[in-house]
Amino acid sequence: MKTLGCFLVFTCILAAIPAYADSDLTIFGAAQHQGKLTLQSATQTATTTSNFDPTTFGVFGVRYSHGKIIGGEHTLAYAPNFISSNSKAFIYNSDLLLQAPLPKIRPYGTVGLGWIFTWSKDQSGRPALGDIGNKFAINYGGGVKVFPAGPVGIRFDIRGYTLPSVKFNLPASLATQTVQTQSQSVNFIEYGFGVVFKF
């Protein structure tokens, strides 16, 4: 009973922290870049190999942060060209935020979990290369918020994402079929810039 009481008091304290904490909202745009992938699929009679070295693809969205030193951050974002030009993605992250409580310049670091939801079709109506389904994602990174005067500032950050157990769709010899690659982890980097509103 004593353990339960301590747990409930601790939970109430954590729930009350955001009410006394600093909050901000960021509208951001970012460039995402993925490293080179070698995609392989094995069927009963043949193996298909494809090398994929994408250029930069973009994302935009909003981030809500709360907490003076230790807090949380939540991201909702949309990528109109995720991995390939005909794949789209919706990104949600919920992160632990650690930042310096300085008035003008606030360096910070984040680490957290989230989901990436993708959808698309190629010109033949098959699932496109970047249509990897709904995937669990781990993200980490850091950056700086700069408030030169007043409650409006700018924000620069760099994030890394890891998506474990991803299978890509490769076109098969028949025009209406695809085969999936072997399961592999996908890593990409996101370089972001945004306008931040403190309240």
Protein backbone atom coordinates (compact mmCIF):
# COMPACT_ATOMS: atom_id res chain seq x y z
CA MET A 1 0.00 0.00 0.00
CA LYS A 2 2.90 2.33 0.81
CA THR A 3 4.42 1.70 -2.64
CA LEU A 4 1.11 2.46 -4.35
CA GLY A 5 0.79 5.72 -2.38
CA CYS A 6 4.31 6.81 -3.36
CA PHE A 7 3.59 5.97 -7.00
CA LEU A 8 0.37 8.04 -6.98
CA VAL A 9 2.12 11.06 -5.38
CA PHE A 10 4.95 10.81 -7.94
CA THR A 11 2.42 10.59 -10.81
CA CYS A 12 0.56 13.69 -9.54
CA ILE A 13 3.82 15.65 -9.34
CA LEU A 14 4.78 14.68 -12.90
CA ALA A 15 1.32 15.57 -14.18
CA ALA A 16 1.51 19.02 -12.56
CA ILE A 17 4.97 19.92 -13.90
CA PRO A 18 3.79 21.10 -17.36
CA ALA A 19 1.42 23.61 -15.73
CA TYR A 20 4.42 25.45 -14.25
CA ALA A 21 6.74 24.98 -17.20
CA ASP A 22 7.67 26.96 -20.25
CA SER A 23 5.93 25.98 -23.47
CA ASP A 24 6.56 26.76 -27.10
CA LEU A 25 5.20 25.90 -30.53
CA THR A 26 7.39 25.59 -33.62
CA ILE A 27 6.35 25.62 -37.26
CA PHE A 28 9.20 23.98 -39.15
CA GLY A 29 10.46 22.75 -42.47
CA ALA A 30 13.26 20.23 -42.82
CA ALA A 31 15.34 18.32 -45.32
CA GLN A 32 15.72 14.59 -44.77
CA HIS A 33 18.55 12.56 -46.25
CA GLN A 34 18.88 8.81 -46.19
CA GLY A 35 22.06 6.88 -46.71
CA LYS A 36 22.60 4.49 -49.60
CA LEU A 37 20.49 1.32 -49.49
CA THR A 38 21.05 -1.98 -51.25
CA LEU A 39 17.68 -3.65 -51.70
CA GLN A 40 17.58 -7.41 -52.19
CA SER A 41 14.66 -9.78 -52.60
CA ALA A 42 14.73 -13.51 -53.06
CA THR A 43 12.07 -15.55 -54.84
CA GLN A 44 12.03 -19.25 -55.67
CA THR A 45 13.79 -18.78 -58.98
CA ALA A 46 15.56 -15.43 -58.95
CA THR A 47 17.07 -12.68 -56.85
CA THR A 48 16.46 -9.01 -57.56
CA THR A 49 19.01 -6.42 -56.41
CA SER A 50 18.55 -2.68 -56.61
CA ASN A 51 20.81 0.09 -55.33
CA PHE A 52 18.99 3.14 -54.00
CA ASP A 53 20.80 6.40 -53.31
CA PRO A 54 18.13 9.07 -52.81
CA THR A 55 18.57 12.78 -52.94
CA THR A 56 17.25 15.01 -50.18
CA PHE A 57 13.54 14.86 -49.51
CA GLY A 58 11.53 17.29 -47.40
CA VAL A 59 9.11 17.40 -44.50
CA PHE A 60 7.13 20.12 -42.71
CA GLY A 61 5.05 20.24 -39.55
CA VAL A 62 4.63 21.51 -35.99
CA ARG A 63 6.38 20.75 -32.71
CA TYR A 64 4.98 21.47 -29.25
CA SER A 65 7.46 21.57 -26.34
CA HIS A 66 6.94 21.98 -22.60
CA GLY A 67 9.32 22.05 -19.66
CA LYS A 68 12.04 24.37 -18.34
CA ILE A 69 14.92 21.89 -18.09
CA ILE A 70 13.35 18.43 -18.43
CA GLY A 71 10.15 18.22 -20.42
CA GLY A 72 8.49 16.73 -23.43
CA GLU A 73 8.13 17.43 -27.11
CA HIS A 74 5.52 16.21 -29.60
CA THR A 75 5.86 16.39 -33.39
CA LEU A 76 3.27 16.10 -36.15
CA ALA A 77 4.75 16.26 -39.65
CA TYR A 78 4.00 15.46 -43.29
CA ALA A 79 6.47 14.40 -45.98
CA PRO A 80 5.03 14.71 -49.52
CA ASN A 81 8.03 12.85 -51.05
CA PHE A 82 9.11 10.28 -48.49
CA ILE A 83 12.03 8.17 -49.81
CA SER A 84 10.66 8.39 -53.37
CA SER A 85 8.73 11.03 -55.30
CA ASN A 86 5.44 9.10 -55.29
CA SER A 87 5.44 8.10 -51.58
CA LYS A 88 3.89 10.18 -48.81
CA ALA A 89 4.31 9.91 -45.04
CA PHE A 90 2.74 11.20 -41.85
CA ILE A 91 5.17 11.35 -38.91
CA TYR A 92 4.36 11.44 -35.18
CA ASN A 93 6.99 11.59 -32.41
CA SER A 94 6.80 11.96 -28.65
CA ASP A 95 10.19 12.78 -27.13
CA LEU A 96 11.95 13.47 -23.87
CA LEU A 97 13.37 17.03 -24.01
CA LEU A 98 16.41 18.24 -22.06
CA GLN A 99 17.25 21.94 -22.49
CA ALA A 100 19.23 24.75 -20.89
CA PRO A 101 16.81 27.31 -19.34
CA LEU A 102 18.59 30.37 -20.76
CA PRO A 103 16.57 33.45 -21.78
CA LYS A 104 17.97 34.11 -25.29
CA ILE A 105 19.66 30.93 -26.54
CA ARG A 106 18.42 27.47 -25.51
CA PRO A 107 20.47 24.47 -26.62
CA TYR A 108 18.53 21.20 -26.25
CA GLY A 109 18.61 17.49 -26.88
CA THR A 110 15.78 15.04 -27.54
CA VAL A 111 15.25 11.30 -27.69
CA GLY A 112 11.99 9.47 -28.20
CA LEU A 113 9.70 7.12 -30.02
CA GLY A 114 7.08 7.52 -32.69
CA TRP A 115 5.44 6.18 -35.83
CA ILE A 116 5.79 6.81 -39.54
CA PHE A 117 2.69 6.08 -41.65
CA THR A 118 3.34 5.77 -45.41
CA TRP A 119 1.17 5.28 -48.49
CA SER A 120 1.55 5.46 -52.28
CA LYS A 121 1.16 3.70 -55.60
CA ASP A 122 3.40 3.76 -58.66
CA GLN A 123 2.25 4.47 -62.22
CA SER A 124 1.04 0.86 -62.64
CA GLY A 125 -1.05 0.93 -59.46
CA ARG A 126 1.38 -1.24 -57.49
CA PRO A 127 2.65 -0.30 -54.00
CA ALA A 128 5.57 2.09 -54.57
CA LEU A 129 9.12 1.65 -53.27
CA GLY A 130 8.57 4.06 -50.37
CA ASP A 131 5.26 2.52 -49.27
CA ILE A 132 6.71 0.72 -46.23
CA GLY A 133 3.45 0.69 -44.25
CA ASN A 134 3.15 1.85 -40.65
CA LYS A 135 6.50 1.66 -38.93
CA PHE A 136 7.77 2.19 -35.38
CA ALA A 137 10.55 4.81 -35.31
CA ILE A 138 13.25 5.81 -32.85
CA ASN A 139 14.49 9.40 -33.07
CA TYR A 140 17.22 11.41 -31.38
CA GLY A 141 18.89 14.75 -31.90
CA GLY A 142 19.44 18.25 -30.71
CA GLY A 143 19.56 21.87 -31.67
CA VAL A 144 19.16 25.40 -30.48
CA LYS A 145 16.26 27.83 -30.00
CA VAL A 146 17.17 31.52 -30.35
CA PHE A 147 14.93 34.29 -28.95
CA PRO A 148 16.56 37.63 -29.93
CA ALA A 149 13.73 39.76 -28.48
CA GLY A 150 10.30 38.83 -27.22
CA PRO A 151 8.41 35.56 -27.49
CA VAL A 152 9.16 34.82 -31.17
CA GLY A 153 12.40 33.20 -32.23
CA ILE A 154 14.04 30.77 -34.62
CA ARG A 155 15.04 27.15 -34.20
CA PHE A 156 17.71 24.97 -35.82
CA ASP A 157 17.94 21.24 -35.21
CA ILE A 158 19.34 17.95 -36.46
CA ARG A 159 17.48 14.68 -35.91
CA GLY A 160 18.36 11.10 -36.59
CA TYR A 161 15.72 8.44 -37.24
CA THR A 162 15.97 4.65 -37.12
CA LEU A 163 13.21 2.42 -38.50
CA PRO A 164 13.83 -1.27 -37.68
CA SER A 165 12.56 -4.16 -39.82
CA VAL A 166 11.60 -2.31 -43.00
CA LYS A 167 10.64 -4.15 -46.20
CA PHE A 168 10.56 -2.24 -49.50
CA ASN A 169 8.42 -3.03 -52.56
CA LEU A 170 10.32 -3.86 -55.76
CA PRO A 171 8.61 -4.30 -59.15
CA ALA A 172 8.32 -7.93 -60.21
CA SER A 173 8.54 -9.24 -63.76
CA LEU A 174 4.75 -9.08 -64.07
CA ALA A 175 3.40 -5.53 -64.45
CA THR A 176 0.84 -5.86 -61.65
CA GLN A 177 2.99 -7.51 -58.97
CA THR A 178 5.74 -6.52 -56.55
CA VAL A 179 8.11 -8.47 -54.33
CA GLN A 180 9.34 -7.30 -50.94
CA THR A 181 12.97 -6.90 -49.93
CA GLN A 182 14.62 -8.59 -47.01
CA SER A 183 13.93 -6.92 -43.66
CA GLN A 184 16.47 -4.21 -42.84
CA SER A 185 16.90 -1.12 -40.68
CA VAL A 186 16.57 2.29 -42.30
CA ASN A 187 18.39 5.35 -40.94
CA PHE A 188 18.03 8.93 -42.07
CA ILE A 189 19.02 12.40 -40.91
CA GLU A 190 16.73 15.44 -40.75
CA TYR A 191 18.06 19.03 -40.85
CA GLY A 192 15.37 21.49 -39.72
CA PHE A 193 14.67 25.20 -39.46
CA GLY A 194 11.59 26.73 -37.86
CA VAL A 195 9.88 29.70 -36.30
CA VAL A 196 9.22 29.20 -32.59
CA PHE A 197 6.56 30.93 -30.48
CA LYS A 198 7.12 30.94 -26.70
CA PHE A 199 4.18 31.18 -24.28
